[in-house]
Amino acid sequence: MDGGLENPLGARAMYLYQGDKDNYLVRGKIPIYSRAETIAPVIGGLVSIPAYGIVIWAMQYGEMGVVSALRETSVVYAAIIGRIFL
């Protein structure tokens, strides 16, 4: 059955297509990911914790304007690197 207003699951039931595979998302259902799909987000989260700590440490010893400008430019570089390699 197609998603939409006529669906007994309600308007929130959406059907998503990726290539030739039909993935459906039903409210209340949690998607299950493989171990390989969860490694990169977990590593990214673990790396962000000390990175935030370094920024807090740097703000104690340097001027806030310089530290925040450096942090913002690093976010831009991280986005560019992520776009190239991911």
N, C-alpha and C. Protein backbone atom coordinates (compact mmCIF):
# COMPACT_ATOMS: atom_id res chain seq x y z
N MET A 1 0.85 -1.18 0.00
CA MET A 1 0.00 0.00 0.00
C MET A 1 0.89 1.23 0.00
N ASP A 2 0.52 2.23 -0.73
CA ASP A 2 1.27 3.48 -0.80
C ASP A 2 1.06 4.29 0.47
N GLY A 3 2.08 5.08 0.81
CA GLY A 3 1.95 5.97 1.95
C GLY A 3 1.09 7.17 1.60
N GLY A 4 0.49 7.76 2.58
CA GLY A 4 -0.33 8.94 2.34
C GLY A 4 -1.57 8.97 3.21
N LEU A 5 -2.52 9.80 2.84
CA LEU A 5 -3.72 10.00 3.66
C LEU A 5 -4.65 8.79 3.65
N GLU A 6 -4.61 7.99 2.59
CA GLU A 6 -5.49 6.83 2.50
C GLU A 6 -4.92 5.61 3.21
N ASN A 7 -3.70 5.69 3.69
CA ASN A 7 -3.04 4.58 4.35
C ASN A 7 -3.58 4.44 5.77
N PRO A 8 -3.91 3.21 6.22
CA PRO A 8 -4.42 3.05 7.58
C PRO A 8 -3.39 3.39 8.66
N LEU A 9 -2.11 3.44 8.29
CA LEU A 9 -1.09 3.82 9.25
C LEU A 9 -1.03 5.32 9.45
N GLY A 10 -1.69 6.08 8.60
CA GLY A 10 -1.72 7.53 8.72
C GLY A 10 -0.80 8.19 7.71
N ALA A 11 -0.83 9.50 7.73
CA ALA A 11 -0.06 10.27 6.77
C ALA A 11 1.44 10.20 7.04
N ARG A 12 1.82 9.76 8.25
CA ARG A 12 3.23 9.71 8.58
C ARG A 12 3.93 8.49 7.99
N ALA A 13 3.21 7.53 7.48
CA ALA A 13 3.83 6.35 6.88
C ALA A 13 4.37 6.74 5.52
N MET A 14 5.68 6.69 5.38
CA MET A 14 6.31 7.08 4.13
C MET A 14 7.06 5.88 3.57
N TYR A 15 7.13 5.82 2.29
CA TYR A 15 7.86 4.76 1.62
C TYR A 15 9.00 5.39 0.85
N LEU A 16 10.19 4.94 1.11
CA LEU A 16 11.37 5.53 0.52
C LEU A 16 12.02 4.53 -0.41
N TYR A 17 12.43 4.98 -1.56
CA TYR A 17 13.09 4.12 -2.53
C TYR A 17 14.54 4.53 -2.68
N GLN A 18 15.45 3.55 -2.59
CA GLN A 18 16.87 3.78 -2.82
C GLN A 18 17.32 2.78 -3.87
N GLY A 19 17.53 3.27 -5.06
CA GLY A 19 17.88 2.37 -6.16
C GLY A 19 16.69 1.49 -6.49
N ASP A 20 16.89 0.20 -6.48
CA ASP A 20 15.79 -0.72 -6.73
C ASP A 20 15.29 -1.36 -5.44
N LYS A 21 15.75 -0.87 -4.30
CA LYS A 21 15.36 -1.42 -3.00
C LYS A 21 14.27 -0.55 -2.37
N ASP A 22 13.22 -1.18 -1.90
CA ASP A 22 12.11 -0.47 -1.28
C ASP A 22 12.31 -0.47 0.24
N ASN A 23 12.65 0.67 0.78
CA ASN A 23 12.81 0.82 2.24
C ASN A 23 11.60 1.59 2.75
N TYR A 24 10.93 1.04 3.73
CA TYR A 24 9.80 1.78 4.26
C TYR A 24 10.05 2.15 5.71
N LEU A 25 9.55 3.29 6.06
CA LEU A 25 9.69 3.82 7.41
C LEU A 25 8.29 3.94 8.00
N VAL A 26 8.05 3.23 9.06
CA VAL A 26 6.76 3.26 9.72
C VAL A 26 6.98 3.88 11.10
N ARG A 27 6.08 4.72 11.53
CA ARG A 27 6.28 5.39 12.81
C ARG A 27 6.42 4.36 13.94
N GLY A 28 7.35 4.66 14.82
CA GLY A 28 7.60 3.78 15.95
C GLY A 28 8.60 2.68 15.67
N LYS A 29 9.03 2.52 14.44
CA LYS A 29 9.96 1.44 14.11
C LYS A 29 11.36 2.02 14.02
N ILE A 30 12.30 1.45 14.73
CA ILE A 30 13.68 1.94 14.75
C ILE A 30 14.46 1.20 13.67
N PRO A 31 15.16 1.93 12.82
CA PRO A 31 15.95 1.26 11.79
C PRO A 31 17.13 0.51 12.41
N ILE A 32 17.45 -0.63 11.84
CA ILE A 32 18.55 -1.46 12.33
C ILE A 32 19.72 -1.30 11.37
N TYR A 33 20.88 -0.93 11.91
CA TYR A 33 22.07 -0.73 11.11
C TYR A 33 23.07 -1.83 11.38
N SER A 34 23.90 -2.12 10.41
CA SER A 34 24.93 -3.13 10.61
C SER A 34 26.09 -2.52 11.38
N ARG A 35 26.99 -3.37 11.83
CA ARG A 35 28.14 -2.91 12.59
C ARG A 35 29.03 -1.99 11.75
N ALA A 36 29.18 -2.31 10.47
CA ALA A 36 30.01 -1.49 9.59
C ALA A 36 29.43 -0.08 9.42
N GLU A 37 28.12 0.04 9.44
CA GLU A 37 27.48 1.35 9.27
C GLU A 37 27.56 2.21 10.52
N THR A 38 27.83 1.60 11.68
CA THR A 38 27.86 2.37 12.92
C THR A 38 29.26 2.76 13.36
N ILE A 39 30.30 2.20 12.74
CA ILE A 39 31.66 2.48 13.19
C ILE A 39 32.03 3.95 12.96
N ALA A 40 31.81 4.48 11.77
CA ALA A 40 32.20 5.86 11.46
C ALA A 40 31.48 6.88 12.35
N PRO A 41 30.16 6.79 12.57
CA PRO A 41 29.52 7.77 13.46
C PRO A 41 30.00 7.68 14.90
N VAL A 42 30.28 6.47 15.37
CA VAL A 42 30.76 6.31 16.75
C VAL A 42 32.15 6.93 16.89
N ILE A 43 33.04 6.65 15.93
CA ILE A 43 34.38 7.24 15.98
C ILE A 43 34.29 8.76 15.89
N GLY A 44 33.43 9.28 15.02
CA GLY A 44 33.25 10.72 14.91
C GLY A 44 32.78 11.34 16.22
N GLY A 45 31.86 10.67 16.90
CA GLY A 45 31.39 11.17 18.19
C GLY A 45 32.47 11.14 19.25
N LEU A 46 33.27 10.07 19.25
CA LEU A 46 34.35 9.97 20.24
C LEU A 46 35.45 10.99 19.99
N VAL A 47 35.71 11.32 18.73
CA VAL A 47 36.72 12.32 18.41
C VAL A 47 36.22 13.73 18.76
N SER A 48 34.92 13.96 18.65
CA SER A 48 34.39 15.30 18.92
C SER A 48 34.46 15.67 20.40
N ILE A 49 34.46 14.67 21.28
CA ILE A 49 34.51 14.96 22.71
C ILE A 49 35.84 15.61 23.10
N PRO A 50 37.00 15.00 22.77
CA PRO A 50 38.25 15.70 23.11
C PRO A 50 38.44 16.99 22.31
N ALA A 51 37.90 17.06 21.11
CA ALA A 51 38.01 18.30 20.34
C ALA A 51 37.31 19.44 21.06
N TYR A 52 36.15 19.17 21.61
CA TYR A 52 35.43 20.19 22.37
C TYR A 52 36.22 20.58 23.62
N GLY A 53 36.83 19.59 24.27
CA GLY A 53 37.65 19.86 25.44
C GLY A 53 38.84 20.74 25.12
N ILE A 54 39.45 20.51 23.94
CA ILE A 54 40.58 21.34 23.53
C ILE A 54 40.15 22.78 23.30
N VAL A 55 38.97 22.96 22.73
CA VAL A 55 38.46 24.33 22.51
C VAL A 55 38.23 25.03 23.85
N ILE A 56 37.63 24.33 24.80
CA ILE A 56 37.40 24.92 26.12
C ILE A 56 38.73 25.27 26.79
N TRP A 57 39.70 24.36 26.69
CA TRP A 57 41.03 24.62 27.25
C TRP A 57 41.67 25.84 26.60
N ALA A 58 41.57 25.93 25.26
CA ALA A 58 42.19 27.05 24.54
C ALA A 58 41.53 28.37 24.90
N MET A 59 40.24 28.36 25.19
CA MET A 59 39.55 29.60 25.57
C MET A 59 40.01 30.11 26.93
N GLN A 60 40.52 29.21 27.76
CA GLN A 60 41.02 29.64 29.07
C GLN A 60 42.36 30.36 28.94
N TYR A 61 43.15 30.01 27.91
CA TYR A 61 44.50 30.54 27.81
C TYR A 61 44.68 31.54 26.67
N GLY A 62 43.71 31.66 25.79
CA GLY A 62 43.84 32.59 24.67
C GLY A 62 42.64 33.50 24.58
N GLU A 63 42.71 34.41 23.64
CA GLU A 63 41.59 35.32 23.43
C GLU A 63 40.44 34.56 22.77
N MET A 64 39.25 34.85 23.21
CA MET A 64 38.09 34.10 22.73
C MET A 64 37.84 34.32 21.24
N GLY A 65 38.08 35.53 20.75
CA GLY A 65 37.86 35.81 19.33
C GLY A 65 38.75 34.98 18.43
N VAL A 66 40.01 34.84 18.81
CA VAL A 66 40.96 34.07 18.01
C VAL A 66 40.60 32.59 18.05
N VAL A 67 40.27 32.09 19.23
CA VAL A 67 39.94 30.67 19.38
C VAL A 67 38.67 30.33 18.62
N SER A 68 37.64 31.15 18.74
CA SER A 68 36.38 30.85 18.05
C SER A 68 36.53 31.00 16.54
N ALA A 69 37.34 31.93 16.07
CA ALA A 69 37.58 32.04 14.63
C ALA A 69 38.31 30.82 14.10
N LEU A 70 39.30 30.35 14.85
CA LEU A 70 40.03 29.15 14.45
C LEU A 70 39.11 27.93 14.46
N ARG A 71 38.23 27.86 15.45
CA ARG A 71 37.30 26.72 15.53
C ARG A 71 36.33 26.74 14.34
N GLU A 72 35.83 27.90 14.00
CA GLU A 72 34.88 27.98 12.88
C GLU A 72 35.55 27.64 11.55
N THR A 73 36.78 28.09 11.36
CA THR A 73 37.46 27.72 10.11
C THR A 73 37.76 26.24 10.07
N SER A 74 38.02 25.61 11.23
CA SER A 74 38.25 24.17 11.24
C SER A 74 36.98 23.41 10.89
N VAL A 75 35.82 23.96 11.25
CA VAL A 75 34.55 23.33 10.88
C VAL A 75 34.37 23.36 9.36
N VAL A 76 34.74 24.48 8.74
CA VAL A 76 34.65 24.59 7.28
C VAL A 76 35.59 23.59 6.62
N TYR A 77 36.83 23.51 7.10
CA TYR A 77 37.78 22.55 6.54
C TYR A 77 37.30 21.11 6.73
N ALA A 78 36.73 20.82 7.89
CA ALA A 78 36.21 19.47 8.15
C ALA A 78 35.08 19.12 7.19
N ALA A 79 34.23 20.08 6.88
CA ALA A 79 33.15 19.84 5.92
C ALA A 79 33.70 19.59 4.53
N ILE A 80 34.72 20.33 4.14
CA ILE A 80 35.33 20.14 2.82
C ILE A 80 36.00 18.77 2.76
N ILE A 81 36.76 18.42 3.78
CA ILE A 81 37.43 17.11 3.80
C ILE A 81 36.41 15.98 3.81
N GLY A 82 35.34 16.14 4.58
CA GLY A 82 34.29 15.13 4.60
C GLY A 82 33.61 14.97 3.26
N ARG A 83 33.42 16.05 2.57
CA ARG A 83 32.79 16.00 1.24
C ARG A 83 33.69 15.30 0.23
N ILE A 84 34.98 15.54 0.34
CA ILE A 84 35.91 14.93 -0.61
C ILE A 84 36.06 13.42 -0.35
N PHE A 85 36.23 13.04 0.90
CA PHE A 85 36.54 11.65 1.21
C PHE A 85 35.33 10.80 1.54
N LEU A 86 34.22 11.39 1.88
CA LEU A 86 33.04 10.59 2.18
C LEU A 86 32.05 10.76 1.07
